[in-house]
Amino acid sequence: IMNQLNLFIELTRLKKPIGFMLLFWPCAWGLTLAYDFSLSLNNYFFYLILFFLGSVFMRSAGCIVNDVLDKKYDAQVVRTKNRPIASGKISIKLAVIYSFLLCFFALLVLLNFNLFTIILAIGSMPLAFTYPLMKRFTYWPQLFLGITFNYGLILGWTAIKGEISIVPVLFYLGAIFWTLGYDTIYGYQDIKDDEIIGLKSTSIKFKGKAKKFLFACYTSLLFFFLIGGYKMDFHVSYYLLAVIPFIHLFIYQMKIFNLKDPSSCLKAFKSNNLFGLIIFINIIIAKNL
């Protein structure tokens, strides 16, 4: 049993929380943007916990689907060849059962929200599960990941408001550029293998212009987050505090990131968890001033 449990944890990457945290932060941002903090905080924390659980379940299911679809490719990449499915330690049949179970738990979480949010969330499922195929057909799989991974920002908003407005859409667009940047950095870990086996990514497309591309992504992110803050009528502190996370992106990430050194790519990528947290705190402060 312990062996199966360890394989399950490896399969769902539960020991690598960066994946579900990057899924959770946009949910937390959307929820915080929409919430009226003059009301009881019980609902806020209840929804925050639901979004966290949903992020863990959906990301775990996504990892399994990704590994099933990529079995052949993972076996040819140094970093991924020992994954449970690629190495044959877990059968595809068992992996699919795990995936269905995780989706079922995610559905139980989802049923606590209003009908509009439930419909929107179910509508995003095809995107979530076709993302792994994108790197076979387009150089922009990171864009599809951004659209999928930040969808929780819209859901966080609708969970409270029951409708969509321009504000969550602006923050959502900004968050897509965030993912486009950080997942391009992540992709440089496998670039040699990916080029050999014919997979596509923004990491490969912008190989000679990586820093310029990242600068463009993060500048777009800053633009949308500032406009979003303006639309929210945020206190001036929001714009002053916004400097901190963007210094983190523009100076720290772009400085330590070296596309020829996989460990520096992973370090820069993981630091996005801190970015997510700072933005979250920033929105809470801006909402309560």
Protein backbone atom coordinates (compact mmCIF):
# COMPACT_ATOMS: atom_id res chain seq x y z
CA ILE A 1 0.00 0.00 0.00
CA MET A 2 2.82 2.43 0.89
CA ASN A 3 4.43 1.80 -2.47
CA GLN A 4 1.17 2.60 -4.29
CA LEU A 5 0.71 5.73 -2.17
CA ASN A 6 4.22 6.93 -2.98
CA LEU A 7 3.59 6.31 -6.69
CA PHE A 8 0.30 8.24 -6.46
CA ILE A 9 2.08 11.18 -4.78
CA GLU A 10 4.76 11.06 -7.48
CA LEU A 11 2.14 10.84 -10.24
CA THR A 12 0.15 13.82 -8.95
CA ARG A 13 3.30 15.83 -8.01
CA LEU A 14 1.88 16.49 -4.54
CA LYS A 15 5.43 16.96 -3.25
CA LYS A 16 5.80 19.85 -5.71
CA PRO A 17 3.26 22.36 -4.38
CA ILE A 18 4.33 25.09 -6.84
CA GLY A 19 1.92 23.59 -9.41
CA PHE A 20 -1.25 23.82 -7.36
CA MET A 21 -0.18 27.13 -5.78
CA LEU A 22 0.14 28.72 -9.23
CA LEU A 23 -3.40 27.49 -9.89
CA PHE A 24 -4.64 28.73 -6.50
CA TRP A 25 -3.25 32.29 -6.50
CA PRO A 26 -5.44 33.59 -9.36
CA CYS A 27 -8.52 32.10 -7.58
CA ALA A 28 -7.50 33.91 -4.39
CA TRP A 29 -6.95 37.17 -6.31
CA GLY A 30 -10.38 37.00 -7.97
CA LEU A 31 -12.12 36.13 -4.70
CA THR A 32 -10.37 38.96 -2.83
CA LEU A 33 -11.12 41.50 -5.58
CA ALA A 34 -14.84 40.67 -5.38
CA TYR A 35 -15.31 40.20 -1.64
CA ASP A 36 -16.93 42.85 0.55
CA PHE A 37 -14.70 42.88 3.64
CA SER A 38 -17.26 44.80 5.69
CA LEU A 39 -19.22 41.54 5.88
CA SER A 40 -18.36 38.48 8.00
CA LEU A 41 -15.10 36.84 6.96
CA ASN A 42 -16.47 33.30 7.43
CA ASN A 43 -17.64 33.06 3.82
CA TYR A 44 -14.35 34.46 2.55
CA PHE A 45 -12.26 31.84 4.33
CA PHE A 46 -14.72 29.09 3.39
CA TYR A 47 -14.37 29.96 -0.32
CA LEU A 48 -10.60 30.35 0.02
CA ILE A 49 -10.36 26.79 1.40
CA LEU A 50 -12.66 25.48 -1.36
CA PHE A 51 -10.51 27.09 -4.05
CA PHE A 52 -7.37 25.67 -2.46
CA LEU A 53 -8.82 22.14 -2.40
CA GLY A 54 -10.15 22.55 -5.94
CA SER A 55 -6.69 23.66 -7.11
CA VAL A 56 -5.03 20.61 -5.55
CA PHE A 57 -7.59 18.16 -7.01
CA MET A 58 -7.66 19.69 -10.50
CA ARG A 59 -3.92 20.12 -10.77
CA SER A 60 -3.39 16.51 -9.64
CA ALA A 61 -5.91 15.25 -12.22
CA GLY A 62 -4.27 17.48 -14.84
CA CYS A 63 -0.84 15.98 -14.10
CA ILE A 64 -2.24 12.48 -14.68
CA VAL A 65 -3.93 13.42 -17.97
CA ASN A 66 -0.74 15.16 -19.05
CA ASP A 67 1.37 12.06 -18.27
CA VAL A 68 -1.05 9.69 -20.02
CA LEU A 69 -1.06 11.80 -23.19
CA ASP A 70 2.69 12.43 -23.05
CA LYS A 71 3.80 8.90 -22.13
CA LYS A 72 5.76 8.43 -25.36
CA TYR A 73 7.43 11.86 -25.15
CA ASP A 74 8.17 11.74 -21.41
CA ALA A 75 10.12 8.51 -21.93
CA GLN A 76 12.49 10.42 -24.26
CA VAL A 77 13.16 13.41 -21.97
CA VAL A 78 15.82 13.11 -19.27
CA ARG A 79 13.80 15.06 -16.66
CA THR A 80 10.58 13.09 -17.16
CA LYS A 81 11.61 9.56 -18.20
CA ASN A 82 11.22 8.18 -14.65
CA ARG A 83 7.66 9.44 -14.15
CA PRO A 84 5.36 6.59 -13.03
CA ILE A 85 3.46 6.28 -16.33
CA ALA A 86 6.43 6.83 -18.67
CA SER A 87 8.46 4.24 -16.74
CA GLY A 88 5.54 1.76 -16.59
CA LYS A 89 5.27 1.72 -12.78
CA ILE A 90 1.59 2.75 -13.02
CA SER A 91 -0.72 1.42 -15.73
CA ILE A 92 -2.77 3.84 -17.84
CA LYS A 93 -5.95 2.13 -16.63
CA LEU A 94 -5.14 2.82 -12.97
CA ALA A 95 -4.04 6.36 -13.80
CA VAL A 96 -7.39 7.07 -15.51
CA ILE A 97 -9.27 5.74 -12.44
CA TYR A 98 -7.22 8.09 -10.22
CA SER A 99 -7.97 10.98 -12.55
CA PHE A 100 -11.75 10.33 -12.46
CA LEU A 101 -11.67 10.12 -8.66
CA LEU A 102 -9.84 13.44 -8.40
CA CYS A 103 -12.30 15.07 -10.81
CA PHE A 104 -15.16 13.71 -8.72
CA PHE A 105 -13.69 15.31 -5.57
CA ALA A 106 -13.19 18.56 -7.49
CA LEU A 107 -16.87 18.41 -8.51
CA LEU A 108 -17.91 17.99 -4.86
CA VAL A 109 -15.96 21.17 -4.08
CA LEU A 110 -17.48 22.99 -7.05
CA LEU A 111 -21.06 22.21 -6.00
CA ASN A 112 -20.65 24.61 -3.06
CA PHE A 113 -20.62 27.59 -5.45
CA ASN A 114 -23.44 29.40 -7.26
CA LEU A 115 -24.84 27.98 -10.51
CA PHE A 116 -23.12 30.54 -12.76
CA THR A 117 -19.69 29.64 -11.30
CA ILE A 118 -20.41 25.90 -11.66
CA ILE A 119 -21.36 26.31 -15.34
CA LEU A 120 -18.26 28.46 -16.05
CA ALA A 121 -15.97 25.96 -14.30
CA ILE A 122 -17.37 22.96 -16.19
CA GLY A 123 -17.02 24.97 -19.42
CA SER A 124 -13.27 25.22 -18.84
CA MET A 125 -12.75 21.44 -18.59
CA PRO A 126 -12.08 20.83 -22.31
CA LEU A 127 -9.32 23.47 -22.16
CA ALA A 128 -7.74 21.91 -19.08
CA PHE A 129 -7.53 18.46 -20.58
CA THR A 130 -6.50 19.34 -24.15
CA TYR A 131 -3.64 21.60 -23.06
CA PRO A 132 -1.01 18.77 -23.08
CA LEU A 133 -1.71 18.20 -26.79
CA MET A 134 -0.99 21.79 -27.78
CA LYS A 135 2.80 21.45 -27.82
CA ARG A 136 2.48 19.07 -30.77
CA PHE A 137 0.67 21.60 -32.96
CA THR A 138 1.67 25.12 -31.92
CA TYR A 139 4.60 27.08 -30.55
CA TRP A 140 2.16 28.66 -28.08
CA PRO A 141 1.19 25.90 -25.60
CA GLN A 142 2.13 28.33 -22.80
CA LEU A 143 -0.65 30.65 -23.97
CA PHE A 144 -3.19 27.83 -23.66
CA LEU A 145 -1.81 27.06 -20.21
CA GLY A 146 -2.25 30.73 -19.25
CA ILE A 147 -5.88 30.74 -20.42
CA THR A 148 -6.55 27.53 -18.47
CA PHE A 149 -4.44 28.06 -15.35
CA ASN A 150 -5.77 31.54 -14.55
CA TYR A 151 -9.41 30.77 -15.19
CA GLY A 152 -9.89 30.56 -11.41
CA LEU A 153 -9.53 34.34 -11.27
CA ILE A 154 -12.87 34.67 -13.09
CA LEU A 155 -14.39 31.92 -10.90
CA GLY A 156 -13.20 33.66 -7.71
CA TRP A 157 -15.01 36.80 -8.84
CA THR A 158 -18.23 35.08 -9.95
CA ALA A 159 -18.36 33.00 -6.74
CA ILE A 160 -19.08 36.29 -4.94
CA LYS A 161 -20.69 38.51 -7.57
CA GLY A 162 -22.60 35.94 -9.63
CA GLU A 163 -21.70 37.88 -12.80
CA ILE A 164 -18.66 38.95 -14.83
CA SER A 165 -17.46 42.53 -15.23
CA ILE A 166 -14.46 44.20 -16.90
CA VAL A 167 -12.36 44.09 -13.68
CA PRO A 168 -11.75 40.32 -13.43
CA VAL A 169 -11.23 40.20 -17.20
CA LEU A 170 -8.43 42.80 -16.96
CA PHE A 171 -6.71 40.90 -14.15
CA TYR A 172 -7.27 37.61 -16.02
CA LEU A 173 -5.55 39.00 -19.14
CA GLY A 174 -2.64 40.17 -16.99
CA ALA A 175 -2.38 36.77 -15.32
CA ILE A 176 -2.26 35.06 -18.75
CA PHE A 177 0.89 37.08 -19.54
CA TRP A 178 2.29 36.06 -16.13
CA THR A 179 1.89 32.36 -17.04
CA LEU A 180 3.24 32.98 -20.52
CA GLY A 181 6.40 34.32 -18.88
CA TYR A 182 6.93 31.78 -16.11
CA ASP A 183 6.08 28.74 -18.21
CA THR A 184 8.50 29.88 -20.92
CA ILE A 185 11.22 29.94 -18.23
CA TYR A 186 10.08 26.46 -17.11
CA GLY A 187 10.27 25.13 -20.68
CA TYR A 188 13.99 25.91 -20.97
CA GLN A 189 14.71 22.93 -18.71
CA ASP A 190 13.76 20.50 -21.50
CA ILE A 191 14.58 22.51 -24.58
CA LYS A 192 17.31 20.19 -25.94
CA ASP A 193 15.13 17.08 -25.66
CA ASP A 194 12.03 18.89 -26.93
CA GLU A 195 13.83 20.06 -30.06
CA ILE A 196 15.07 16.54 -30.78
CA ILE A 197 11.63 14.91 -30.42
CA GLY A 198 9.86 17.71 -32.30
CA LEU A 199 7.77 19.34 -29.56
CA LYS A 200 6.99 23.05 -29.76
CA SER A 201 6.94 25.82 -27.13
CA THR A 202 7.51 29.55 -26.64
CA SER A 203 10.84 28.55 -25.06
CA ILE A 204 11.95 27.21 -28.46
CA LYS A 205 10.27 29.98 -30.49
CA PHE A 206 12.01 32.78 -28.55
CA LYS A 207 15.25 30.92 -27.85
CA GLY A 208 17.47 33.79 -29.01
CA LYS A 209 15.25 36.52 -27.54
CA ALA A 210 14.16 34.99 -24.23
CA LYS A 211 14.78 38.05 -22.03
CA LYS A 212 13.02 40.39 -24.49
CA PHE A 213 10.04 38.06 -24.63
CA LEU A 214 9.86 37.84 -20.82
CA PHE A 215 10.14 41.62 -20.57
CA ALA A 216 7.19 41.98 -22.99
CA CYS A 217 5.11 39.43 -21.01
CA TYR A 218 5.78 41.00 -17.62
CA THR A 219 5.24 44.55 -18.92
CA SER A 220 1.84 43.48 -20.27
CA LEU A 221 1.06 41.90 -16.89
CA LEU A 222 1.94 45.15 -15.11
CA PHE A 223 -0.20 47.16 -17.55
CA PHE A 224 -3.33 45.04 -17.02
CA PHE A 225 -2.90 44.90 -13.23
CA LEU A 226 -2.53 48.70 -13.02
CA ILE A 227 -5.59 49.30 -15.23
CA GLY A 228 -7.49 46.71 -13.15
CA GLY A 229 -6.52 48.54 -9.95
CA TYR A 230 -7.68 51.82 -11.50
CA LYS A 231 -11.05 50.27 -12.43
CA MET A 232 -11.36 49.00 -8.83
CA ASP A 233 -10.72 52.55 -7.61
CA PHE A 234 -7.88 51.27 -5.45
CA HIS A 235 -6.05 53.41 -2.91
CA VAL A 236 -2.73 54.87 -4.12
CA SER A 237 -0.93 52.30 -1.90
CA TYR A 238 -1.83 49.62 -4.46
CA TYR A 239 0.33 51.31 -7.11
CA LEU A 240 3.18 51.92 -4.70
CA LEU A 241 3.10 48.33 -3.39
CA ALA A 242 2.79 47.01 -6.96
CA VAL A 243 6.43 48.01 -7.41
CA ILE A 244 7.56 45.16 -5.09
CA PRO A 245 6.26 42.13 -7.04
CA PHE A 246 7.33 43.65 -10.35
CA ILE A 247 10.86 44.29 -9.11
CA HIS A 248 10.76 40.58 -8.23
CA LEU A 249 9.80 39.68 -11.81
CA PHE A 250 11.88 42.15 -13.77
CA ILE A 251 15.05 42.11 -11.69
CA TYR A 252 15.17 38.89 -9.65
CA GLN A 253 13.66 36.41 -12.13
CA MET A 254 15.26 37.83 -15.24
CA LYS A 255 18.61 38.14 -13.51
CA ILE A 256 18.87 34.60 -12.10
CA PHE A 257 17.33 32.94 -15.15
CA ASN A 258 19.90 31.41 -17.49
CA LEU A 259 18.40 29.38 -20.32
CA LYS A 260 21.50 27.17 -20.50
CA ASP A 261 21.22 26.22 -16.81
CA PRO A 262 18.12 24.11 -16.00
CA SER A 263 18.50 24.59 -12.22
CA SER A 264 18.36 28.40 -12.58
CA CYS A 265 15.22 28.02 -14.75
CA LEU A 266 13.54 25.94 -12.04
CA LYS A 267 14.59 28.40 -9.32
CA ALA A 268 13.20 31.38 -11.25
CA PHE A 269 10.00 29.47 -12.03
CA LYS A 270 9.40 28.45 -8.39
CA SER A 271 9.84 32.04 -7.22
CA ASN A 272 6.49 32.84 -8.84
CA ASN A 273 4.81 31.45 -5.74
CA LEU A 274 6.18 34.47 -3.87
CA PHE A 275 4.87 36.77 -6.62
CA GLY A 276 1.39 35.24 -6.21
CA LEU A 277 1.48 35.79 -2.45
CA ILE A 278 2.66 39.43 -2.72
CA ILE A 279 -0.10 40.28 -5.22
CA PHE A 280 -2.65 38.58 -2.93
CA ILE A 281 -1.51 40.65 0.10
CA ASN A 282 -1.43 43.78 -2.05
CA ILE A 283 -5.08 43.32 -3.11
CA ILE A 284 -6.16 42.66 0.51
CA ILE A 285 -4.45 45.91 1.64
CA ALA A 286 -5.90 47.90 -1.28
CA LYS A 287 -9.40 46.59 -0.59
CA ASN A 288 -9.27 47.55 3.09
CA LEU A 289 -7.80 51.05 2.91
